């Protein structure tokens, strides 16, 4: 009888939730959509100005952003006042 293997996502979810470290990671396209910033602007703000949450390494060629960091960054932004 073959064992049923969990997908990597299901396995990650199980490991994170069992360790109490559950944190949703957002991809660059998701962060771009949420913030309205381009990938270039996000990178410039992260690397040069350090005014944006730093990405987290997921694998050697992939990064993600903690959803809570992005939410906190948005909440900290000052709204522009209408002229």
PDB file of N, CA and C in Angstrom:
ATOM      1  N   UNK A   1       0.837  -1.181   0.000  1.00  0.00           N
ATOM      2  CA  UNK A   1       0.000   0.000   0.000  1.00  0.00           C
ATOM      3  C   UNK A   1       0.886   1.250   0.000  1.00  0.00           C
ATOM      4  N   UNK A   2       0.618   2.140  -0.941  1.00  0.00           N
ATOM      5  CA  UNK A   2       1.412   3.361  -1.038  1.00  0.00           C
ATOM      6  C   UNK A   2       0.959   4.371   0.009  1.00  0.00           C
ATOM      7  N   UNK A   3       1.930   5.039   0.605  1.00  0.00           N
ATOM      8  CA  UNK A   3       1.608   6.091   1.557  1.00  0.00           C
ATOM      9  C   UNK A   3       1.214   7.342   0.797  1.00  0.00           C
ATOM     10  N   UNK A   4       0.248   8.032   1.325  1.00  0.00           N
ATOM     11  CA  UNK A   4      -0.175   9.288   0.710  1.00  0.00           C
ATOM     12  C   UNK A   4       0.760  10.389   1.207  1.00  0.00           C
ATOM     13  N   UNK A   5       1.387  11.088   0.274  1.00  0.00           N
ATOM     14  CA  UNK A   5       2.309  12.163   0.626  1.00  0.00           C
ATOM     15  C   UNK A   5       1.569  13.485   0.685  1.00  0.00           C
ATOM     16  N   UNK A   6       1.918  14.282   1.649  1.00  0.00           N
ATOM     17  CA  UNK A   6       1.336  15.619   1.756  1.00  0.00           C
ATOM     18  C   UNK A   6       2.004  16.549   0.751  1.00  0.00           C
ATOM     19  N   UNK A   7       1.229  17.452   0.213  1.00  0.00           N
ATOM     20  CA  UNK A   7       1.844  18.460  -0.648  1.00  0.00           C
ATOM     21  C   UNK A   7       2.745  19.323   0.225  1.00  0.00           C
ATOM     22  N   UNK A   8       3.676  20.012  -0.392  1.00  0.00           N
ATOM     23  CA  UNK A   8       4.590  20.842   0.396  1.00  0.00           C
ATOM     24  C   UNK A   8       3.827  21.922   1.148  1.00  0.00           C
ATOM     25  N   UNK A   9       2.761  22.454   0.559  1.00  0.00           N
ATOM     26  CA  UNK A   9       1.968  23.486   1.230  1.00  0.00           C
ATOM     27  C   UNK A   9       1.278  22.914   2.457  1.00  0.00           C
ATOM     28  N   UNK A  10       0.660  21.750   2.312  1.00  0.00           N
ATOM     29  CA  UNK A  10      -0.017  21.125   3.444  1.00  0.00           C
ATOM     30  C   UNK A  10       0.981  20.782   4.545  1.00  0.00           C
ATOM     31  N   UNK A  11       2.139  20.314   4.162  1.00  0.00           N
ATOM     32  CA  UNK A  11       3.173  19.986   5.136  1.00  0.00           C
ATOM     33  C   UNK A  11       3.646  21.243   5.854  1.00  0.00           C
ATOM     34  N   UNK A  12       3.894  22.311   5.104  1.00  0.00           N
ATOM     35  CA  UNK A  12       4.310  23.570   5.709  1.00  0.00           C
ATOM     36  C   UNK A  12       3.258  24.073   6.691  1.00  0.00           C
ATOM     37  N   UNK A  13       1.973  24.011   6.282  1.00  0.00           N
ATOM     38  CA  UNK A  13       0.888  24.459   7.150  1.00  0.00           C
ATOM     39  C   UNK A  13       0.875  23.651   8.451  1.00  0.00           C
ATOM     40  N   UNK A  14       1.035  22.334   8.328  1.00  0.00           N
ATOM     41  CA  UNK A  14       1.012  21.464   9.505  1.00  0.00           C
ATOM     42  C   UNK A  14       2.182  21.800  10.429  1.00  0.00           C
ATOM     43  N   UNK A  15       3.375  21.970   9.862  1.00  0.00           N
ATOM     44  CA  UNK A  15       4.555  22.265  10.677  1.00  0.00           C
ATOM     45  C   UNK A  15       4.436  23.617  11.357  1.00  0.00           C
ATOM     46  N   UNK A  16       3.992  24.612  10.618  1.00  0.00           N
ATOM     47  CA  UNK A  16       3.892  25.949  11.188  1.00  0.00           C
ATOM     48  C   UNK A  16       2.828  26.031  12.267  1.00  0.00           C
ATOM     49  N   UNK A  17       1.662  25.429  12.005  1.00  0.00           N
ATOM     50  CA  UNK A  17       0.590  25.512  12.986  1.00  0.00           C
ATOM     51  C   UNK A  17       0.913  24.705  14.241  1.00  0.00           C
ATOM     52  N   UNK A  18       1.614  23.591  14.086  1.00  0.00           N
ATOM     53  CA  UNK A  18       1.944  22.781  15.255  1.00  0.00           C
ATOM     54  C   UNK A  18       3.028  23.439  16.101  1.00  0.00           C
ATOM     55  N   UNK A  19       3.852  24.281  15.484  1.00  0.00           N
ATOM     56  CA  UNK A  19       4.916  24.934  16.240  1.00  0.00           C
ATOM     57  C   UNK A  19       4.486  26.288  16.788  1.00  0.00           C
ATOM     58  N   UNK A  20       3.286  26.723  16.420  1.00  0.00           N
ATOM     59  CA  UNK A  20       2.804  28.017  16.897  1.00  0.00           C
ATOM     60  C   UNK A  20       3.418  29.186  16.144  1.00  0.00           C
ATOM     61  N   UNK A  21       4.077  28.919  15.034  1.00  0.00           N
ATOM     62  CA  UNK A  21       4.742  29.972  14.279  1.00  0.00           C
ATOM     63  C   UNK A  21       4.000  30.315  12.994  1.00  0.00           C
ATOM     64  N   UNK A  22       2.723  30.040  12.940  1.00  0.00           N
ATOM     65  CA  UNK A  22       1.968  30.233  11.706  1.00  0.00           C
ATOM     66  C   UNK A  22       2.015  31.702  11.269  1.00  0.00           C
ATOM     67  N   UNK A  23       2.545  31.934  10.118  1.00  0.00           N
ATOM     68  CA  UNK A  23       2.656  33.278   9.546  1.00  0.00           C
ATOM     69  C   UNK A  23       2.510  33.158   8.049  1.00  0.00           C
ATOM     70  N   UNK A  24       1.568  33.870   7.495  1.00  0.00           N
ATOM     71  CA  UNK A  24       1.346  33.820   6.055  1.00  0.00           C
ATOM     72  C   UNK A  24       2.411  34.656   5.357  1.00  0.00           C
ATOM     73  N   UNK A  25       3.021  34.092   4.331  1.00  0.00           N
ATOM     74  CA  UNK A  25       4.017  34.811   3.553  1.00  0.00           C
ATOM     75  C   UNK A  25       3.403  35.249   2.230  1.00  0.00           C
ATOM     76  N   UNK A  26       3.697  36.466   1.836  1.00  0.00           N
ATOM     77  CA  UNK A  26       3.186  37.036   0.598  1.00  0.00           C
ATOM     78  C   UNK A  26       4.283  37.081  -0.451  1.00  0.00           C
ATOM     79  N   UNK A  27       3.920  36.815  -1.689  1.00  0.00           N
ATOM     80  CA  UNK A  27       4.868  36.899  -2.805  1.00  0.00           C
ATOM     81  C   UNK A  27       4.990  38.352  -3.249  1.00  0.00           C
ATOM     82  N   UNK A  28       5.993  38.622  -4.092  1.00  0.00           N
ATOM     83  CA  UNK A  28       6.141  39.970  -4.638  1.00  0.00           C
ATOM     84  C   UNK A  28       4.865  40.437  -5.341  1.00  0.00           C
ATOM     85  N   UNK A  29       4.261  39.624  -6.233  1.00  0.00           N
ATOM     86  CA  UNK A  29       3.029  40.093  -6.893  1.00  0.00           C
ATOM     87  C   UNK A  29       1.912  40.422  -5.904  1.00  0.00           C
ATOM     88  N   UNK A  30       1.793  39.649  -4.834  1.00  0.00           N
ATOM     89  CA  UNK A  30       0.768  39.942  -3.827  1.00  0.00           C
ATOM     90  C   UNK A  30       1.064  41.256  -3.116  1.00  0.00           C
ATOM     91  N   UNK A  31       2.320  41.480  -2.774  1.00  0.00           N
ATOM     92  CA  UNK A  31       2.709  42.726  -2.093  1.00  0.00           C
ATOM     93  C   UNK A  31       2.512  43.919  -3.033  1.00  0.00           C
ATOM     94  N   UNK A  32       2.854  43.730  -4.299  1.00  0.00           N
ATOM     95  CA  UNK A  32       2.633  44.798  -5.283  1.00  0.00           C
ATOM     96  C   UNK A  32       1.150  45.157  -5.353  1.00  0.00           C
ATOM     97  N   UNK A  33       0.291  44.149  -5.385  1.00  0.00           N
ATOM     98  CA  UNK A  33      -1.151  44.377  -5.480  1.00  0.00           C
ATOM     99  C   UNK A  33      -1.675  45.071  -4.218  1.00  0.00           C
ATOM    100  N   UNK A  34      -1.253  44.614  -3.058  1.00  0.00           N
ATOM    101  CA  UNK A  34      -1.734  45.166  -1.786  1.00  0.00           C
ATOM    102  C   UNK A  34      -1.283  46.604  -1.578  1.00  0.00           C
ATOM    103  N   UNK A  35      -0.019  46.882  -1.891  1.00  0.00           N
ATOM    104  CA  UNK A  35       0.548  48.202  -1.606  1.00  0.00           C
ATOM    105  C   UNK A  35       0.416  49.199  -2.747  1.00  0.00           C
ATOM    106  N   UNK A  36       0.271  48.689  -3.961  1.00  0.00           N
ATOM    107  CA  UNK A  36       0.242  49.581  -5.118  1.00  0.00           C
ATOM    108  C   UNK A  36       1.629  50.021  -5.549  1.00  0.00           C
ATOM    109  N   UNK A  37       2.665  49.428  -4.960  1.00  0.00           N
ATOM    110  CA  UNK A  37       4.042  49.756  -5.312  1.00  0.00           C
ATOM    111  C   UNK A  37       4.571  48.759  -6.321  1.00  0.00           C
ATOM    112  N   UNK A  38       5.496  49.209  -7.159  1.00  0.00           N
ATOM    113  CA  UNK A  38       6.128  48.298  -8.113  1.00  0.00           C
ATOM    114  C   UNK A  38       7.216  47.498  -7.418  1.00  0.00           C
ATOM    115  N   UNK A  39       7.619  46.423  -8.055  1.00  0.00           N
ATOM    116  CA  UNK A  39       8.698  45.587  -7.504  1.00  0.00           C
ATOM    117  C   UNK A  39       9.974  46.411  -7.326  1.00  0.00           C
ATOM    118  N   UNK A  40      10.259  47.279  -8.278  1.00  0.00           N
ATOM    119  CA  UNK A  40      11.459  48.127  -8.203  1.00  0.00           C
ATOM    120  C   UNK A  40      11.383  49.067  -7.015  1.00  0.00           C
ATOM    121  N   UNK A  41      10.240  49.688  -6.807  1.00  0.00           N
ATOM    122  CA  UNK A  41      10.075  50.603  -5.679  1.00  0.00           C
ATOM    123  C   UNK A  41      10.179  49.861  -4.360  1.00  0.00           C
ATOM    124  N   UNK A  42       9.564  48.683  -4.284  1.00  0.00           N
ATOM    125  CA  UNK A  42       9.663  47.880  -3.066  1.00  0.00           C
ATOM    126  C   UNK A  42      11.131  47.578  -2.779  1.00  0.00           C
ATOM    127  N   UNK A  43      11.860  47.125  -3.777  1.00  0.00           N
ATOM    128  CA  UNK A  43      13.279  46.793  -3.589  1.00  0.00           C
ATOM    129  C   UNK A  43      14.087  48.019  -3.173  1.00  0.00           C
ATOM    130  N   UNK A  44      13.811  49.141  -3.811  1.00  0.00           N
ATOM    131  CA  UNK A  44      14.521  50.375  -3.466  1.00  0.00           C
ATOM    132  C   UNK A  44      14.241  50.768  -2.011  1.00  0.00           C
ATOM    133  N   UNK A  45      12.993  50.652  -1.580  1.00  0.00           N
ATOM    134  CA  UNK A  45      12.627  50.998  -0.211  1.00  0.00           C
ATOM    135  C   UNK A  45      13.235  50.025   0.796  1.00  0.00           C
ATOM    136  N   UNK A  46      13.344  48.754   0.420  1.00  0.00           N
ATOM    137  CA  UNK A  46      13.920  47.745   1.321  1.00  0.00           C
ATOM    138  C   UNK A  46      15.425  47.903   1.428  1.00  0.00           C
ATOM    139  N   UNK A  47      16.088  47.903   0.299  1.00  0.00           N
ATOM    140  CA  UNK A  47      17.548  47.851   0.288  1.00  0.00           C
ATOM    141  C   UNK A  47      18.181  49.194   0.607  1.00  0.00           C
ATOM    142  N   UNK A  48      17.790  50.206  -0.107  1.00  0.00           N
ATOM    143  CA  UNK A  48      18.468  51.490   0.044  1.00  0.00           C
ATOM    144  C   UNK A  48      17.969  52.296   1.230  1.00  0.00           C
ATOM    145  N   UNK A  49      16.665  52.392   1.392  1.00  0.00           N
ATOM    146  CA  UNK A  49      16.114  53.275   2.409  1.00  0.00           C
ATOM    147  C   UNK A  49      15.699  52.561   3.694  1.00  0.00           C
ATOM    148  N   UNK A  50      15.546  51.265   3.625  1.00  0.00           N
ATOM    149  CA  UNK A  50      15.101  50.473   4.775  1.00  0.00           C
ATOM    150  C   UNK A  50      13.809  51.040   5.364  1.00  0.00           C
ATOM    151  N   UNK A  51      12.883  51.437   4.476  1.00  0.00           N
ATOM    152  CA  UNK A  51      11.601  51.987   4.912  1.00  0.00           C
ATOM    153  C   UNK A  51      10.448  51.026   4.627  1.00  0.00           C
ATOM    154  N   UNK A  52      10.776  49.785   4.317  1.00  0.00           N
ATOM    155  CA  UNK A  52       9.772  48.789   3.975  1.00  0.00           C
ATOM    156  C   UNK A  52      10.202  47.469   4.605  1.00  0.00           C
ATOM    157  N   UNK A  53       9.249  46.636   5.018  1.00  0.00           N
ATOM    158  CA  UNK A  53       9.638  45.365   5.642  1.00  0.00           C
ATOM    159  C   UNK A  53      10.548  44.523   4.743  1.00  0.00           C
ATOM    160  N   UNK A  54      11.562  43.958   5.333  1.00  0.00           N
ATOM    161  CA  UNK A  54      12.507  43.126   4.590  1.00  0.00           C
ATOM    162  C   UNK A  54      11.873  41.779   4.240  1.00  0.00           C
ATOM    163  N   UNK A  55      12.220  41.238   3.074  1.00  0.00           N
ATOM    164  CA  UNK A  55      11.705  39.920   2.716  1.00  0.00           C
ATOM    165  C   UNK A  55      12.384  38.819   3.527  1.00  0.00           C
ATOM    166  N   UNK A  56      11.726  37.668   3.544  1.00  0.00           N
ATOM    167  CA  UNK A  56      12.220  36.485   4.241  1.00  0.00           C
ATOM    168  C   UNK A  56      12.610  35.460   3.184  1.00  0.00           C
ATOM    169  N   UNK A  57      13.757  34.834   3.342  1.00  0.00           N
ATOM    170  CA  UNK A  57      14.194  33.822   2.395  1.00  0.00           C
ATOM    171  C   UNK A  57      13.365  32.550   2.592  1.00  0.00           C
ATOM    172  N   UNK A  58      12.751  32.088   1.500  1.00  0.00           N
ATOM    173  CA  UNK A  58      11.953  30.862   1.526  1.00  0.00           C
ATOM    174  C   UNK A  58      12.792  29.705   1.008  1.00  0.00           C
ATOM    175  N   UNK A  59      13.542  29.972  -0.042  1.00  0.00           N
ATOM    176  CA  UNK A  59      14.450  28.995  -0.631  1.00  0.00           C
ATOM    177  C   UNK A  59      15.570  29.799  -1.289  1.00  0.00           C
ATOM    178  N   UNK A  60      16.577  29.144  -1.872  1.00  0.00           N
ATOM    179  CA  UNK A  60      17.684  29.903  -2.459  1.00  0.00           C
ATOM    180  C   UNK A  60      17.249  30.940  -3.514  1.00  0.00           C
ATOM    181  N   UNK A  61      16.160  30.696  -4.222  1.00  0.00           N
ATOM    182  CA  UNK A  61      15.744  31.613  -5.281  1.00  0.00           C
ATOM    183  C   UNK A  61      14.378  32.232  -5.054  1.00  0.00           C
ATOM    184  N   UNK A  62      13.904  32.221  -3.827  1.00  0.00           N
ATOM    185  CA  UNK A  62      12.557  32.735  -3.572  1.00  0.00           C
ATOM    186  C   UNK A  62      12.497  33.427  -2.220  1.00  0.00           C
ATOM    187  N   UNK A  63      11.801  34.570  -2.204  1.00  0.00           N
ATOM    188  CA  UNK A  63      11.569  35.293  -0.957  1.00  0.00           C
ATOM    189  C   UNK A  63      10.078  35.553  -0.798  1.00  0.00           C
ATOM    190  N   UNK A  64       9.699  35.859   0.410  1.00  0.00           N
ATOM    191  CA  UNK A  64       8.324  36.234   0.702  1.00  0.00           C
ATOM    192  C   UNK A  64       8.343  37.325   1.759  1.00  0.00           C
ATOM    193  N   UNK A  65       7.209  37.964   1.934  1.00  0.00           N
ATOM    194  CA  UNK A  65       7.075  39.021   2.930  1.00  0.00           C
ATOM    195  C   UNK A  65       6.068  38.562   3.969  1.00  0.00           C
ATOM    196  N   UNK A  66       6.365  38.774   5.226  1.00  0.00           N
ATOM    197  CA  UNK A  66       5.403  38.420   6.278  1.00  0.00           C
ATOM    198  C   UNK A  66       4.179  39.320   6.139  1.00  0.00           C
ATOM    199  N   UNK A  67       3.009  38.694   6.108  1.00  0.00           N
ATOM    200  CA  UNK A  67       1.762  39.456   5.958  1.00  0.00           C
ATOM    201  C   UNK A  67       1.611  40.459   7.098  1.00  0.00           C
ATOM    202  N   UNK A  68       1.968  40.072   8.311  1.00  0.00           N
ATOM    203  CA  UNK A  68       1.834  40.981   9.457  1.00  0.00           C
ATOM    204  C   UNK A  68       2.748  42.197   9.310  1.00  0.00           C
ATOM    205  N   UNK A  69       3.946  42.011   8.751  1.00  0.00           N
ATOM    206  CA  UNK A  69       4.854  43.145   8.527  1.00  0.00           C
ATOM    207  C   UNK A  69       4.263  44.126   7.520  1.00  0.00           C
ATOM    208  N   UNK A  70       3.649  43.594   6.461  1.00  0.00           N
ATOM    209  CA  UNK A  70       3.047  44.459   5.438  1.00  0.00           C
ATOM    210  C   UNK A  70       1.844  45.191   6.026  1.00  0.00           C
ATOM    211  N   UNK A  71       1.019  44.489   6.802  1.00  0.00           N
ATOM    212  CA  UNK A  71      -0.142  45.124   7.435  1.00  0.00           C
ATOM    213  C   UNK A  71       0.294  46.237   8.377  1.00  0.00           C
ATOM    214  N   UNK A  72       1.337  45.996   9.163  1.00  0.00           N
ATOM    215  CA  UNK A  72       1.845  47.016  10.082  1.00  0.00           C
ATOM    216  C   UNK A  72       2.415  48.210   9.328  1.00  0.00           C
ATOM    217  N   UNK A  73       3.088  47.953   8.215  1.00  0.00           N
ATOM    218  CA  UNK A  73       3.646  49.040   7.403  1.00  0.00           C
ATOM    219  C   UNK A  73       2.520  49.914   6.858  1.00  0.00           C
ATOM    220  N   UNK A  74       1.461  49.281   6.361  1.00  0.00           N
ATOM    221  CA  UNK A  74       0.321  50.028   5.827  1.00  0.00           C
ATOM    222  C   UNK A  74      -0.334  50.849   6.935  1.00  0.00           C
ATOM    223  N   UNK A  75      -0.523  50.248   8.104  1.00  0.00           N
ATOM    224  CA  UNK A  75      -1.158  50.943   9.221  1.00  0.00           C
ATOM    225  C   UNK A  75      -0.343  52.150   9.686  1.00  0.00           C
ATOM    226  N   UNK A  76       0.974  52.079   9.552  1.00  0.00           N
ATOM    227  CA  UNK A  76       1.857  53.160  10.002  1.00  0.00           C
ATOM    228  C   UNK A  76       1.941  54.314   9.011  1.00  0.00           C
ATOM    229  N   UNK A  77       1.464  54.093   7.787  1.00  0.00           N
ATOM    230  CA  UNK A  77       1.529  55.147   6.771  1.00  0.00           C
ATOM    231  C   UNK A  77       0.584  56.276   7.148  1.00  0.00           C
ATOM    232  N   UNK A  78       1.043  57.496   6.974  1.00  0.00           N
ATOM    233  CA  UNK A  78       0.194  58.651   7.265  1.00  0.00           C
ATOM    234  C   UNK A  78      -0.693  58.919   6.047  1.00  0.00           C
ATOM    235  N   UNK A  79      -1.989  59.058   6.278  1.00  0.00           N
ATOM    236  CA  UNK A  79      -2.871  59.353   5.142  1.00  0.00           C
ATOM    237  C   UNK A  79      -2.616  60.773   4.629  1.00  0.00           C
ATOM    238  N   UNK A  80      -2.706  60.922   3.304  1.00  0.00           N
ATOM    239  CA  UNK A  80      -2.558  62.255   2.722  1.00  0.00           C
ATOM    240  C   UNK A  80      -3.849  63.024   2.944  1.00  0.00           C
ATOM    241  N   UNK A  81      -3.692  64.266   3.310  1.00  0.00           N
ATOM    242  CA  UNK A  81      -4.873  65.118   3.534  1.00  0.00           C
ATOM    243  C   UNK A  81      -5.284  65.756   2.215  1.00  0.00           C
ATOM    244  N   UNK A  82      -6.571  65.826   2.010  1.00  0.00           N
ATOM    245  CA  UNK A  82      -7.093  66.460   0.787  1.00  0.00           C
ATOM    246  C   UNK A  82      -6.793  67.956   0.832  1.00  0.00           C
ATOM    247  N   UNK A  83      -6.449  68.486  -0.318  1.00  0.00           N
ATOM    248  CA  UNK A  83      -6.088  69.914  -0.389  1.00  0.00           C
ATOM    249  C   UNK A  83      -7.311  70.789  -0.453  1.00  0.00           C
TER     250      UNK A  83
END
